[in-house]
Amino acid sequence: MKLPAIFSNPANVRTILQGTAIFNIGDESGEMYVVQSGEVDILLNGVVIETVGPDGFFGEISLIEDSARSADAIARTDCKLLPVNRHHFLFLVNEVPQFALHVMKGMADRLRRADKRAAGQG
């Protein structure tokens, strides 16, 4: 899934080294992340449930629900991540309808994959 053009030349990209925890379960949220390069593992109870690669995103649920993190995120490889804080997220949802649709599609795709895993199909 290709990211909207609004992420094509970000000024605040963060470089994260392999093995670094980006956040841990229970942490307060404040940002979601868009992966510019590299891969990030999302873990639940120490088990990788998803690997997010370039043009993917993670951490959005905490912004939507205004809740603590529900999983761990660890850099599988060296990464470049674009943080999107709550203020920027809400601005994008209100002003760029394609962004909101992109986030909803990503969440729907994750839910489908989780359903398949729960059914023993993936």
C-alpha atoms as a PDB file:
ATOM      1  CA  MET A   1       0.000   0.000   0.000  1.00  0.00           C
ATOM      2  CA  LYS A   2       1.601   3.260  -1.108  1.00  0.00           C
ATOM      3  CA  LEU A   3       1.700   6.145   1.349  1.00  0.00           C
ATOM      4  CA  PRO A   4       0.136   9.487   0.517  1.00  0.00           C
ATOM      5  CA  ALA A   5       2.503  12.051  -1.021  1.00  0.00           C
ATOM      6  CA  ILE A   6       2.437  14.072   2.225  1.00  0.00           C
ATOM      7  CA  PHE A   7       5.121  11.671   3.517  1.00  0.00           C
ATOM      8  CA  SER A   8       7.462  11.936   0.529  1.00  0.00           C
ATOM      9  CA  ASN A   9       9.970  14.453   1.993  1.00  0.00           C
ATOM     10  CA  PRO A  10       9.673  14.375   5.783  1.00  0.00           C
ATOM     11  CA  ALA A  11      11.912  16.707   7.762  1.00  0.00           C
ATOM     12  CA  ASN A  12      11.840  14.863  11.070  1.00  0.00           C
ATOM     13  CA  VAL A  13      12.828  11.304  10.160  1.00  0.00           C
ATOM     14  CA  ARG A  14      14.366   9.330  13.033  1.00  0.00           C
ATOM     15  CA  THR A  15      17.094   6.763  12.532  1.00  0.00           C
ATOM     16  CA  ILE A  16      16.588   3.725  14.784  1.00  0.00           C
ATOM     17  CA  LEU A  17      19.276   1.050  15.116  1.00  0.00           C
ATOM     18  CA  GLN A  18      18.558  -2.661  14.838  1.00  0.00           C
ATOM     19  CA  GLY A  19      17.359  -4.153  18.125  1.00  0.00           C
ATOM     20  CA  THR A  20      16.207  -0.837  19.590  1.00  0.00           C
ATOM     21  CA  ALA A  21      12.824  -0.748  21.323  1.00  0.00           C
ATOM     22  CA  ILE A  22      10.669   1.942  19.744  1.00  0.00           C
ATOM     23  CA  PHE A  23       8.000   1.443  22.388  1.00  0.00           C
ATOM     24  CA  ASN A  24       6.892  -1.229  24.854  1.00  0.00           C
ATOM     25  CA  ILE A  25       3.503  -2.509  25.899  1.00  0.00           C
ATOM     26  CA  GLY A  26       1.976  -0.189  28.474  1.00  0.00           C
ATOM     27  CA  ASP A  27       3.968   2.868  27.381  1.00  0.00           C
ATOM     28  CA  GLU A  28       2.053   6.080  26.995  1.00  0.00           C
ATOM     29  CA  SER A  29       1.341   6.862  23.378  1.00  0.00           C
ATOM     30  CA  GLY A  30       2.067  10.097  21.652  1.00  0.00           C
ATOM     31  CA  GLU A  31       3.071   9.110  18.161  1.00  0.00           C
ATOM     32  CA  MET A  32       2.438   6.641  15.408  1.00  0.00           C
ATOM     33  CA  TYR A  33       5.257   5.837  12.991  1.00  0.00           C
ATOM     34  CA  VAL A  34       5.590   5.519   9.231  1.00  0.00           C
ATOM     35  CA  VAL A  35       8.448   3.268   8.093  1.00  0.00           C
ATOM     36  CA  GLN A  36      10.593   5.029   5.505  1.00  0.00           C
ATOM     37  CA  SER A  37      13.163   2.205   5.350  1.00  0.00           C
ATOM     38  CA  GLY A  38      13.969  -0.944   7.276  1.00  0.00           C
ATOM     39  CA  GLU A  39      11.681  -3.264   9.208  1.00  0.00           C
ATOM     40  CA  VAL A  40       9.996  -3.125  12.613  1.00  0.00           C
ATOM     41  CA  ASP A  41       8.697  -6.162  14.506  1.00  0.00           C
ATOM     42  CA  ILE A  42       5.472  -5.825  16.465  1.00  0.00           C
ATOM     43  CA  LEU A  43       5.461  -8.287  19.364  1.00  0.00           C
ATOM     44  CA  LEU A  44       2.809  -9.483  21.766  1.00  0.00           C
ATOM     45  CA  ASN A  45       4.023 -11.509  24.754  1.00  0.00           C
ATOM     46  CA  GLY A  46       7.428 -11.807  23.074  1.00  0.00           C
ATOM     47  CA  VAL A  47       6.002 -13.285  19.857  1.00  0.00           C
ATOM     48  CA  VAL A  48       6.304 -11.430  16.548  1.00  0.00           C
ATOM     49  CA  ILE A  49       2.766 -10.896  15.268  1.00  0.00           C
ATOM     50  CA  GLU A  50       3.706  -8.621  12.391  1.00  0.00           C
ATOM     51  CA  THR A  51       6.714  -7.133  10.649  1.00  0.00           C
ATOM     52  CA  VAL A  52       6.171  -3.655   9.228  1.00  0.00           C
ATOM     53  CA  GLY A  53       8.309  -2.620   6.281  1.00  0.00           C
ATOM     54  CA  PRO A  54       8.748   0.443   4.058  1.00  0.00           C
ATOM     55  CA  ASP A  55       5.592   2.505   3.522  1.00  0.00           C
ATOM     56  CA  GLY A  56       3.909   0.668   6.407  1.00  0.00           C
ATOM     57  CA  PHE A  57       2.869   2.232   9.678  1.00  0.00           C
ATOM     58  CA  PHE A  58       2.290   1.197  13.281  1.00  0.00           C
ATOM     59  CA  GLY A  59       1.207   2.695  16.585  1.00  0.00           C
ATOM     60  CA  GLU A  60      -1.939   4.313  15.199  1.00  0.00           C
ATOM     61  CA  ILE A  61      -4.347   2.484  17.503  1.00  0.00           C
ATOM     62  CA  SER A  62      -2.958   4.246  20.560  1.00  0.00           C
ATOM     63  CA  LEU A  63      -3.593   7.605  18.890  1.00  0.00           C
ATOM     64  CA  ILE A  64      -7.102   6.685  17.842  1.00  0.00           C
ATOM     65  CA  GLU A  65      -8.049   5.299  21.259  1.00  0.00           C
ATOM     66  CA  ASP A  66      -5.860   7.649  23.318  1.00  0.00           C
ATOM     67  CA  SER A  67      -4.589   4.607  25.184  1.00  0.00           C
ATOM     68  CA  ALA A  68      -1.343   2.994  26.290  1.00  0.00           C
ATOM     69  CA  ARG A  69       0.590   0.795  23.874  1.00  0.00           C
ATOM     70  CA  SER A  70      -0.864  -2.683  23.415  1.00  0.00           C
ATOM     71  CA  ALA A  71       2.280  -4.306  21.998  1.00  0.00           C
ATOM     72  CA  ASP A  72       6.048  -3.902  21.759  1.00  0.00           C
ATOM     73  CA  ALA A  73       7.750  -2.449  18.666  1.00  0.00           C
ATOM     74  CA  ILE A  74      11.401  -3.371  18.067  1.00  0.00           C
ATOM     75  CA  ALA A  75      13.592  -2.424  15.107  1.00  0.00           C
ATOM     76  CA  ARG A  76      14.302  -5.662  13.225  1.00  0.00           C
ATOM     77  CA  THR A  77      16.826  -3.812  11.062  1.00  0.00           C
ATOM     78  CA  ASP A  78      18.241  -0.304  11.071  1.00  0.00           C
ATOM     79  CA  CYS A  79      15.233   1.894  10.260  1.00  0.00           C
ATOM     80  CA  LYS A  80      14.226   5.367   9.272  1.00  0.00           C
ATOM     81  CA  LEU A  81      10.892   6.237  10.866  1.00  0.00           C
ATOM     82  CA  LEU A  82       8.656   9.253  10.482  1.00  0.00           C
ATOM     83  CA  PRO A  83       6.843  10.003  13.756  1.00  0.00           C
ATOM     84  CA  VAL A  84       3.329  11.426  13.517  1.00  0.00           C
ATOM     85  CA  ASN A  85       2.144  12.980  16.786  1.00  0.00           C
ATOM     86  CA  ARG A  86      -1.498  13.201  17.885  1.00  0.00           C
ATOM     87  CA  HIS A  87      -1.891  16.807  16.733  1.00  0.00           C
ATOM     88  CA  HIS A  88      -0.473  16.047  13.265  1.00  0.00           C
ATOM     89  CA  PHE A  89      -2.522  12.830  13.069  1.00  0.00           C
ATOM     90  CA  LEU A  90      -5.785  14.644  13.819  1.00  0.00           C
ATOM     91  CA  PHE A  91      -4.891  17.387  11.347  1.00  0.00           C
ATOM     92  CA  LEU A  92      -4.234  14.785   8.633  1.00  0.00           C
ATOM     93  CA  VAL A  93      -7.467  12.918   9.376  1.00  0.00           C
ATOM     94  CA  ASN A  94      -9.441  16.174   9.123  1.00  0.00           C
ATOM     95  CA  GLU A  95      -7.657  17.762   6.183  1.00  0.00           C
ATOM     96  CA  VAL A  96      -6.479  14.834   4.033  1.00  0.00           C
ATOM     97  CA  PRO A  97      -9.281  12.287   3.599  1.00  0.00           C
ATOM     98  CA  GLN A  98      -6.923   9.916   1.760  1.00  0.00           C
ATOM     99  CA  PHE A  99      -4.798   9.660   4.918  1.00  0.00           C
ATOM    100  CA  ALA A 100      -7.780   8.547   7.025  1.00  0.00           C
ATOM    101  CA  LEU A 101      -8.729   5.984   4.378  1.00  0.00           C
ATOM    102  CA  HIS A 102      -5.130   4.760   4.232  1.00  0.00           C
ATOM    103  CA  VAL A 103      -5.068   4.224   8.008  1.00  0.00           C
ATOM    104  CA  MET A 104      -8.445   2.439   7.962  1.00  0.00           C
ATOM    105  CA  LYS A 105      -7.320   0.150   5.134  1.00  0.00           C
ATOM    106  CA  GLY A 106      -4.120  -0.686   7.001  1.00  0.00           C
ATOM    107  CA  MET A 107      -6.072  -1.527  10.147  1.00  0.00           C
ATOM    108  CA  ALA A 108      -8.543  -3.657   8.160  1.00  0.00           C
ATOM    109  CA  ASP A 109      -5.666  -5.560   6.526  1.00  0.00           C
ATOM    110  CA  ARG A 110      -4.144  -6.259   9.967  1.00  0.00           C
ATOM    111  CA  LEU A 111      -7.483  -7.469  11.296  1.00  0.00           C
ATOM    112  CA  ARG A 112      -7.910  -9.860   8.347  1.00  0.00           C
ATOM    113  CA  ARG A 113      -4.403 -11.269   8.895  1.00  0.00           C
ATOM    114  CA  ALA A 114      -5.084 -11.699  12.636  1.00  0.00           C
ATOM    115  CA  ASP A 115      -8.351 -13.502  11.859  1.00  0.00           C
ATOM    116  CA  LYS A 116      -6.495 -15.887   9.524  1.00  0.00           C
ATOM    117  CA  ARG A 117      -3.839 -16.563  12.166  1.00  0.00           C
ATOM    118  CA  ALA A 118      -6.549 -17.230  14.774  1.00  0.00           C
ATOM    119  CA  ALA A 119      -8.207 -19.653  12.361  1.00  0.00           C
ATOM    120  CA  GLY A 120      -4.891 -21.449  11.807  1.00  0.00           C
ATOM    121  CA  GLN A 121      -4.607 -20.269   8.205  1.00  0.00           C
ATOM    122  CA  GLY A 122      -1.568 -18.074   8.431  1.00  0.00           C
END
